[in-house]
Amino acid sequence: MRELVEVIAKALVDNPDAVQVNELEGERSVILELKVAPEDMGKVIGKQGRIAKAIRTVVKAAAIRENKHVVVEILQ
């Protein structure tokens, strides 16, 4: 999952070297924290959060195949 979020984010931003994805595993779920450069934040979130929602949808679809619950958080 971590690699999937990283590849998607790097394709969207102007500064792919600043993309960081941290994976925190809990009992029932996995939290993926996505950090990008401040100037790329709008590109990852998109208008009205559409890009962020699409990233979360793709990750959830991949997580269902592995019977996991994954949450994607975009941090500043």
PDB file of N, CA and C in Angstrom:
ATOM      1  N   MET A   1       0.817  -1.189   0.000  1.00  0.00           N
ATOM      2  CA  MET A   1       0.000   0.000   0.000  1.00  0.00           C
ATOM      3  C   MET A   1       0.863   1.256   0.000  1.00  0.00           C
ATOM      4  N   ARG A   2       1.906   1.217   0.808  1.00  0.00           N
ATOM      5  CA  ARG A   2       2.772   2.382   0.933  1.00  0.00           C
ATOM      6  C   ARG A   2       3.362   2.773  -0.422  1.00  0.00           C
ATOM      7  N   GLU A   3       3.809   1.783  -1.165  1.00  0.00           N
ATOM      8  CA  GLU A   3       4.410   2.038  -2.470  1.00  0.00           C
ATOM      9  C   GLU A   3       3.392   2.600  -3.448  1.00  0.00           C
ATOM     10  N   LEU A   4       2.164   2.123  -3.374  1.00  0.00           N
ATOM     11  CA  LEU A   4       1.099   2.598  -4.251  1.00  0.00           C
ATOM     12  C   LEU A   4       0.851   4.086  -4.041  1.00  0.00           C
ATOM     13  N   VAL A   5       0.725   4.507  -2.790  1.00  0.00           N
ATOM     14  CA  VAL A   5       0.502   5.922  -2.475  1.00  0.00           C
ATOM     15  C   VAL A   5       1.694   6.753  -2.923  1.00  0.00           C
ATOM     16  N   GLU A   6       2.884   6.226  -2.711  1.00  0.00           N
ATOM     17  CA  GLU A   6       4.100   6.955  -3.083  1.00  0.00           C
ATOM     18  C   GLU A   6       4.187   7.167  -4.591  1.00  0.00           C
ATOM     19  N   VAL A   7       3.891   6.155  -5.364  1.00  0.00           N
ATOM     20  CA  VAL A   7       3.950   6.261  -6.828  1.00  0.00           C
ATOM     21  C   VAL A   7       2.910   7.257  -7.340  1.00  0.00           C
ATOM     22  N   ILE A   8       1.703   7.190  -6.806  1.00  0.00           N
ATOM     23  CA  ILE A   8       0.647   8.109  -7.230  1.00  0.00           C
ATOM     24  C   ILE A   8       1.028   9.550  -6.895  1.00  0.00           C
ATOM     25  N   ALA A   9       1.495   9.783  -5.680  1.00  0.00           N
ATOM     26  CA  ALA A   9       1.846  11.137  -5.247  1.00  0.00           C
ATOM     27  C   ALA A   9       3.009  11.699  -6.063  1.00  0.00           C
ATOM     28  N   LYS A  10       4.029  10.884  -6.321  1.00  0.00           N
ATOM     29  CA  LYS A  10       5.172  11.354  -7.092  1.00  0.00           C
ATOM     30  C   LYS A  10       4.785  11.720  -8.521  1.00  0.00           C
ATOM     31  N   ALA A  11       3.789  11.051  -9.063  1.00  0.00           N
ATOM     32  CA  ALA A  11       3.328  11.369 -10.418  1.00  0.00           C
ATOM     33  C   ALA A  11       2.573  12.688 -10.461  1.00  0.00           C
ATOM     34  N   LEU A  12       2.015  13.115  -9.351  1.00  0.00           N
ATOM     35  CA  LEU A  12       1.192  14.322  -9.317  1.00  0.00           C
ATOM     36  C   LEU A  12       1.983  15.604  -9.042  1.00  0.00           C
ATOM     37  N   VAL A  13       3.050  15.513  -8.281  1.00  0.00           N
ATOM     38  CA  VAL A  13       3.719  16.710  -7.774  1.00  0.00           C
ATOM     39  C   VAL A  13       4.871  17.166  -8.668  1.00  0.00           C
ATOM     40  N   ASP A  14       5.301  18.429  -8.442  1.00  0.00           N
ATOM     41  CA  ASP A  14       6.446  18.972  -9.166  1.00  0.00           C
ATOM     42  C   ASP A  14       7.764  18.588  -8.506  1.00  0.00           C
ATOM     43  N   ASN A  15       7.725  18.315  -7.202  1.00  0.00           N
ATOM     44  CA  ASN A  15       8.936  17.980  -6.447  1.00  0.00           C
ATOM     45  C   ASN A  15       8.805  16.560  -5.870  1.00  0.00           C
ATOM     46  N   PRO A  16       9.027  15.531  -6.696  1.00  0.00           N
ATOM     47  CA  PRO A  16       8.821  14.152  -6.218  1.00  0.00           C
ATOM     48  C   PRO A  16       9.797  13.719  -5.124  1.00  0.00           C
ATOM     49  N   ASP A  17      10.930  14.400  -4.993  1.00  0.00           N
ATOM     50  CA  ASP A  17      11.891  14.027  -3.945  1.00  0.00           C
ATOM     51  C   ASP A  17      11.372  14.351  -2.553  1.00  0.00           C
ATOM     52  N   ALA A  18      10.418  15.270  -2.447  1.00  0.00           N
ATOM     53  CA  ALA A  18       9.882  15.681  -1.147  1.00  0.00           C
ATOM     54  C   ALA A  18       8.739  14.791  -0.665  1.00  0.00           C
ATOM     55  N   VAL A  19       8.331  13.835  -1.474  1.00  0.00           N
ATOM     56  CA  VAL A  19       7.212  12.961  -1.103  1.00  0.00           C
ATOM     57  C   VAL A  19       7.686  11.941  -0.061  1.00  0.00           C
ATOM     58  N   GLN A  20       6.944  11.866   1.048  1.00  0.00           N
ATOM     59  CA  GLN A  20       7.238  10.893   2.099  1.00  0.00           C
ATOM     60  C   GLN A  20       5.943  10.193   2.494  1.00  0.00           C
ATOM     61  N   VAL A  21       6.004   8.885   2.644  1.00  0.00           N
ATOM     62  CA  VAL A  21       4.850   8.117   3.089  1.00  0.00           C
ATOM     63  C   VAL A  21       5.270   7.289   4.298  1.00  0.00           C
ATOM     64  N   ASN A  22       4.591   7.526   5.423  1.00  0.00           N
ATOM     65  CA  ASN A  22       4.850   6.753   6.643  1.00  0.00           C
ATOM     66  C   ASN A  22       3.694   5.791   6.861  1.00  0.00           C
ATOM     67  N   GLU A  23       4.016   4.569   7.255  1.00  0.00           N
ATOM     68  CA  GLU A  23       2.995   3.540   7.468  1.00  0.00           C
ATOM     69  C   GLU A  23       2.923   3.206   8.955  1.00  0.00           C
ATOM     70  N   LEU A  24       1.742   3.392   9.536  1.00  0.00           N
ATOM     71  CA  LEU A  24       1.511   3.070  10.942  1.00  0.00           C
ATOM     72  C   LEU A  24       0.495   1.939  11.006  1.00  0.00           C
ATOM     73  N   GLU A  25       0.889   0.827  11.604  1.00  0.00           N
ATOM     74  CA  GLU A  25      -0.004  -0.324  11.676  1.00  0.00           C
ATOM     75  C   GLU A  25      -0.642  -0.417  13.044  1.00  0.00           C
ATOM     76  N   GLY A  26      -1.969  -0.545  13.049  1.00  0.00           N
ATOM     77  CA  GLY A  26      -2.710  -0.753  14.279  1.00  0.00           C
ATOM     78  C   GLY A  26      -3.229  -2.172  14.327  1.00  0.00           C
ATOM     79  N   GLU A  27      -4.142  -2.437  15.259  1.00  0.00           N
ATOM     80  CA  GLU A  27      -4.713  -3.774  15.372  1.00  0.00           C
ATOM     81  C   GLU A  27      -5.582  -4.128  14.178  1.00  0.00           C
ATOM     82  N   ARG A  28      -6.454  -3.189  13.806  1.00  0.00           N
ATOM     83  CA  ARG A  28      -7.412  -3.469  12.742  1.00  0.00           C
ATOM     84  C   ARG A  28      -7.153  -2.713  11.452  1.00  0.00           C
ATOM     85  N   SER A  29      -6.333  -1.683  11.511  1.00  0.00           N
ATOM     86  CA  SER A  29      -6.171  -0.859  10.319  1.00  0.00           C
ATOM     87  C   SER A  29      -4.730  -0.414  10.126  1.00  0.00           C
ATOM     88  N   VAL A  30      -4.488   0.114   8.943  1.00  0.00           N
ATOM     89  CA  VAL A  30      -3.189   0.674   8.582  1.00  0.00           C
ATOM     90  C   VAL A  30      -3.418   2.140   8.227  1.00  0.00           C
ATOM     91  N   ILE A  31      -2.591   3.018   8.791  1.00  0.00           N
ATOM     92  CA  ILE A  31      -2.686   4.439   8.488  1.00  0.00           C
ATOM     93  C   ILE A  31      -1.471   4.818   7.651  1.00  0.00           C
ATOM     94  N   LEU A  32      -1.727   5.424   6.505  1.00  0.00           N
ATOM     95  CA  LEU A  32      -0.654   5.904   5.641  1.00  0.00           C
ATOM     96  C   LEU A  32      -0.645   7.423   5.699  1.00  0.00           C
ATOM     97  N   GLU A  33       0.465   7.987   6.157  1.00  0.00           N
ATOM     98  CA  GLU A  33       0.600   9.435   6.249  1.00  0.00           C
ATOM     99  C   GLU A  33       1.414   9.930   5.059  1.00  0.00           C
ATOM    100  N   LEU A  34       0.800  10.786   4.262  1.00  0.00           N
ATOM    101  CA  LEU A  34       1.437  11.320   3.060  1.00  0.00           C
ATOM    102  C   LEU A  34       1.875  12.754   3.321  1.00  0.00           C
ATOM    103  N   LYS A  35       3.157  13.018   3.096  1.00  0.00           N
ATOM    104  CA  LYS A  35       3.694  14.368   3.227  1.00  0.00           C
ATOM    105  C   LYS A  35       4.294  14.777   1.889  1.00  0.00           C
ATOM    106  N   VAL A  36       3.964  15.991   1.446  1.00  0.00           N
ATOM    107  CA  VAL A  36       4.528  16.537   0.214  1.00  0.00           C
ATOM    108  C   VAL A  36       5.021  17.946   0.509  1.00  0.00           C
ATOM    109  N   ALA A  37       5.733  18.535  -0.431  1.00  0.00           N
ATOM    110  CA  ALA A  37       6.209  19.906  -0.279  1.00  0.00           C
ATOM    111  C   ALA A  37       4.993  20.841  -0.193  1.00  0.00           C
ATOM    112  N   PRO A  38       5.103  21.925   0.574  1.00  0.00           N
ATOM    113  CA  PRO A  38       3.951  22.840   0.739  1.00  0.00           C
ATOM    114  C   PRO A  38       3.389  23.369  -0.582  1.00  0.00           C
ATOM    115  N   GLU A  39       4.252  23.621  -1.557  1.00  0.00           N
ATOM    116  CA  GLU A  39       3.764  24.145  -2.840  1.00  0.00           C
ATOM    117  C   GLU A  39       3.042  23.077  -3.669  1.00  0.00           C
ATOM    118  N   ASP A  40       3.205  21.811  -3.323  1.00  0.00           N
ATOM    119  CA  ASP A  40       2.533  20.722  -4.043  1.00  0.00           C
ATOM    120  C   ASP A  40       1.253  20.248  -3.344  1.00  0.00           C
ATOM    121  N   MET A  41       0.932  20.821  -2.206  1.00  0.00           N
ATOM    122  CA  MET A  41      -0.233  20.377  -1.436  1.00  0.00           C
ATOM    123  C   MET A  41      -1.517  20.466  -2.258  1.00  0.00           C
ATOM    124  N   GLY A  42      -1.689  21.535  -2.997  1.00  0.00           N
ATOM    125  CA  GLY A  42      -2.899  21.710  -3.808  1.00  0.00           C
ATOM    126  C   GLY A  42      -3.027  20.676  -4.905  1.00  0.00           C
ATOM    127  N   LYS A  43      -1.917  20.230  -5.429  1.00  0.00           N
ATOM    128  CA  LYS A  43      -1.950  19.226  -6.497  1.00  0.00           C
ATOM    129  C   LYS A  43      -2.368  17.858  -5.972  1.00  0.00           C
ATOM    130  N   VAL A  44      -2.024  17.573  -4.723  1.00  0.00           N
ATOM    131  CA  VAL A  44      -2.380  16.279  -4.128  1.00  0.00           C
ATOM    132  C   VAL A  44      -3.834  16.294  -3.644  1.00  0.00           C
ATOM    133  N   ILE A  45      -4.291  17.439  -3.165  1.00  0.00           N
ATOM    134  CA  ILE A  45      -5.669  17.531  -2.670  1.00  0.00           C
ATOM    135  C   ILE A  45      -6.652  17.742  -3.814  1.00  0.00           C
ATOM    136  N   GLY A  46      -6.333  18.639  -4.742  1.00  0.00           N
ATOM    137  CA  GLY A  46      -7.202  18.900  -5.882  1.00  0.00           C
ATOM    138  C   GLY A  46      -8.375  19.795  -5.517  1.00  0.00           C
ATOM    139  N   LYS A  47      -9.104  20.216  -6.535  1.00  0.00           N
ATOM    140  CA  LYS A  47     -10.269  21.071  -6.310  1.00  0.00           C
ATOM    141  C   LYS A  47     -11.338  20.307  -5.551  1.00  0.00           C
ATOM    142  N   GLN A  48     -11.780  20.886  -4.454  1.00  0.00           N
ATOM    143  CA  GLN A  48     -12.796  20.299  -3.584  1.00  0.00           C
ATOM    144  C   GLN A  48     -12.403  18.903  -3.095  1.00  0.00           C
ATOM    145  N   GLY A  49     -11.097  18.621  -3.041  1.00  0.00           N
ATOM    146  CA  GLY A  49     -10.617  17.351  -2.511  1.00  0.00           C
ATOM    147  C   GLY A  49     -10.790  16.161  -3.434  1.00  0.00           C
ATOM    148  N   ARG A  50     -10.993  16.427  -4.712  1.00  0.00           N
ATOM    149  CA  ARG A  50     -11.260  15.320  -5.644  1.00  0.00           C
ATOM    150  C   ARG A  50     -10.070  14.383  -5.824  1.00  0.00           C
ATOM    151  N   ILE A  51      -8.875  14.929  -5.929  1.00  0.00           N
ATOM    152  CA  ILE A  51      -7.687  14.081  -6.121  1.00  0.00           C
ATOM    153  C   ILE A  51      -7.442  13.244  -4.867  1.00  0.00           C
ATOM    154  N   ALA A  52      -7.558  13.877  -3.693  1.00  0.00           N
ATOM    155  CA  ALA A  52      -7.367  13.145  -2.433  1.00  0.00           C
ATOM    156  C   ALA A  52      -8.385  12.020  -2.307  1.00  0.00           C
ATOM    157  N   LYS A  53      -9.614  12.298  -2.675  1.00  0.00           N
ATOM    158  CA  LYS A  53     -10.665  11.278  -2.605  1.00  0.00           C
ATOM    159  C   LYS A  53     -10.356  10.129  -3.569  1.00  0.00           C
ATOM    160  N   ALA A  54      -9.855  10.461  -4.751  1.00  0.00           N
ATOM    161  CA  ALA A  54      -9.514   9.427  -5.734  1.00  0.00           C
ATOM    162  C   ALA A  54      -8.360   8.556  -5.233  1.00  0.00           C
ATOM    163  N   ILE A  55      -7.363   9.173  -4.594  1.00  0.00           N
ATOM    164  CA  ILE A  55      -6.242   8.403  -4.038  1.00  0.00           C
ATOM    165  C   ILE A  55      -6.762   7.446  -2.975  1.00  0.00           C
ATOM    166  N   ARG A  56      -7.630   7.944  -2.104  1.00  0.00           N
ATOM    167  CA  ARG A  56      -8.182   7.092  -1.039  1.00  0.00           C
ATOM    168  C   ARG A  56      -9.009   5.946  -1.621  1.00  0.00           C
ATOM    169  N   THR A  57      -9.753   6.210  -2.686  1.00  0.00           N
ATOM    170  CA  THR A  57     -10.574   5.176  -3.314  1.00  0.00           C
ATOM    171  C   THR A  57      -9.707   4.069  -3.903  1.00  0.00           C
ATOM    172  N   VAL A  58      -8.637   4.445  -4.585  1.00  0.00           N
ATOM    173  CA  VAL A  58      -7.737   3.454  -5.183  1.00  0.00           C
ATOM    174  C   VAL A  58      -7.076   2.601  -4.104  1.00  0.00           C
ATOM    175  N   VAL A  59      -6.640   3.250  -3.023  1.00  0.00           N
ATOM    176  CA  VAL A  59      -5.970   2.521  -1.943  1.00  0.00           C
ATOM    177  C   VAL A  59      -6.957   1.589  -1.242  1.00  0.00           C
ATOM    178  N   LYS A  60      -8.186   2.037  -1.030  1.00  0.00           N
ATOM    179  CA  LYS A  60      -9.191   1.166  -0.405  1.00  0.00           C
ATOM    180  C   LYS A  60      -9.483  -0.046  -1.273  1.00  0.00           C
ATOM    181  N   ALA A  61      -9.546   0.158  -2.589  1.00  0.00           N
ATOM    182  CA  ALA A  61      -9.798  -0.961  -3.492  1.00  0.00           C
ATOM    183  C   ALA A  61      -8.656  -1.984  -3.424  1.00  0.00           C
ATOM    184  N   ALA A  62      -7.428  -1.496  -3.344  1.00  0.00           N
ATOM    185  CA  ALA A  62      -6.286  -2.408  -3.227  1.00  0.00           C
ATOM    186  C   ALA A  62      -6.274  -3.096  -1.865  1.00  0.00           C
ATOM    187  N   ALA A  63      -6.716  -2.394  -0.826  1.00  0.00           N
ATOM    188  CA  ALA A  63      -6.723  -2.961   0.526  1.00  0.00           C
ATOM    189  C   ALA A  63      -7.763  -4.056   0.676  1.00  0.00           C
ATOM    190  N   ILE A  64      -8.872  -3.932  -0.021  1.00  0.00           N
ATOM    191  CA  ILE A  64      -9.929  -4.948   0.055  1.00  0.00           C
ATOM    192  C   ILE A  64      -9.398  -6.297  -0.421  1.00  0.00           C
ATOM    193  N   ARG A  65      -8.539  -6.268  -1.410  1.00  0.00           N
ATOM    194  CA  ARG A  65      -7.967  -7.512  -1.922  1.00  0.00           C
ATOM    195  C   ARG A  65      -7.125  -8.216  -0.871  1.00  0.00           C
ATOM    196  N   GLU A  66      -6.571  -7.445   0.079  1.00  0.00           N
ATOM    197  CA  GLU A  66      -5.733  -8.011   1.135  1.00  0.00           C
ATOM    198  C   GLU A  66      -6.456  -8.089   2.473  1.00  0.00           C
ATOM    199  N   ASN A  67      -7.765  -7.854   2.470  1.00  0.00           N
ATOM    200  CA  ASN A  67      -8.590  -7.874   3.680  1.00  0.00           C
ATOM    201  C   ASN A  67      -8.052  -6.961   4.780  1.00  0.00           C
ATOM    202  N   LYS A  68      -7.702  -5.737   4.405  1.00  0.00           N
ATOM    203  CA  LYS A  68      -7.202  -4.749   5.352  1.00  0.00           C
ATOM    204  C   LYS A  68      -8.057  -3.493   5.277  1.00  0.00           C
ATOM    205  N   HIS A  69      -7.996  -2.691   6.325  1.00  0.00           N
ATOM    206  CA  HIS A  69      -8.644  -1.388   6.336  1.00  0.00           C
ATOM    207  C   HIS A  69      -7.531  -0.344   6.344  1.00  0.00           C
ATOM    208  N   VAL A  70      -7.470   0.455   5.286  1.00  0.00           N
ATOM    209  CA  VAL A  70      -6.393   1.422   5.143  1.00  0.00           C
ATOM    210  C   VAL A  70      -6.969   2.829   5.126  1.00  0.00           C
ATOM    211  N   VAL A  71      -6.319   3.732   5.873  1.00  0.00           N
ATOM    212  CA  VAL A  71      -6.707   5.140   5.917  1.00  0.00           C
ATOM    213  C   VAL A  71      -5.537   5.957   5.397  1.00  0.00           C
ATOM    214  N   VAL A  72      -5.812   6.865   4.455  1.00  0.00           N
ATOM    215  CA  VAL A  72      -4.767   7.737   3.919  1.00  0.00           C
ATOM    216  C   VAL A  72      -4.973   9.128   4.498  1.00  0.00           C
ATOM    217  N   GLU A  73      -3.954   9.643   5.176  1.00  0.00           N
ATOM    218  CA  GLU A  73      -3.997  10.990   5.727  1.00  0.00           C
ATOM    219  C   GLU A  73      -2.959  11.839   5.014  1.00  0.00           C
ATOM    220  N   ILE A  74      -3.360  13.043   4.618  1.00  0.00           N
ATOM    221  CA  ILE A  74      -2.451  13.973   3.961  1.00  0.00           C
ATOM    222  C   ILE A  74      -2.045  15.009   4.994  1.00  0.00           C
ATOM    223  N   LEU A  75      -0.754  15.051   5.300  1.00  0.00           N
ATOM    224  CA  LEU A  75      -0.244  15.944   6.342  1.00  0.00           C
ATOM    225  C   LEU A  75       0.509  17.103   5.729  1.00  0.00           C
ATOM    226  N   GLN A  76       0.535  18.217   6.484  1.00  0.00           N
ATOM    227  CA  GLN A  76       1.301  19.384   6.024  1.00  0.00           C
ATOM    228  C   GLN A  76       2.703  19.327   6.541  1.00  0.00           C
TER     229      GLN A  76
END
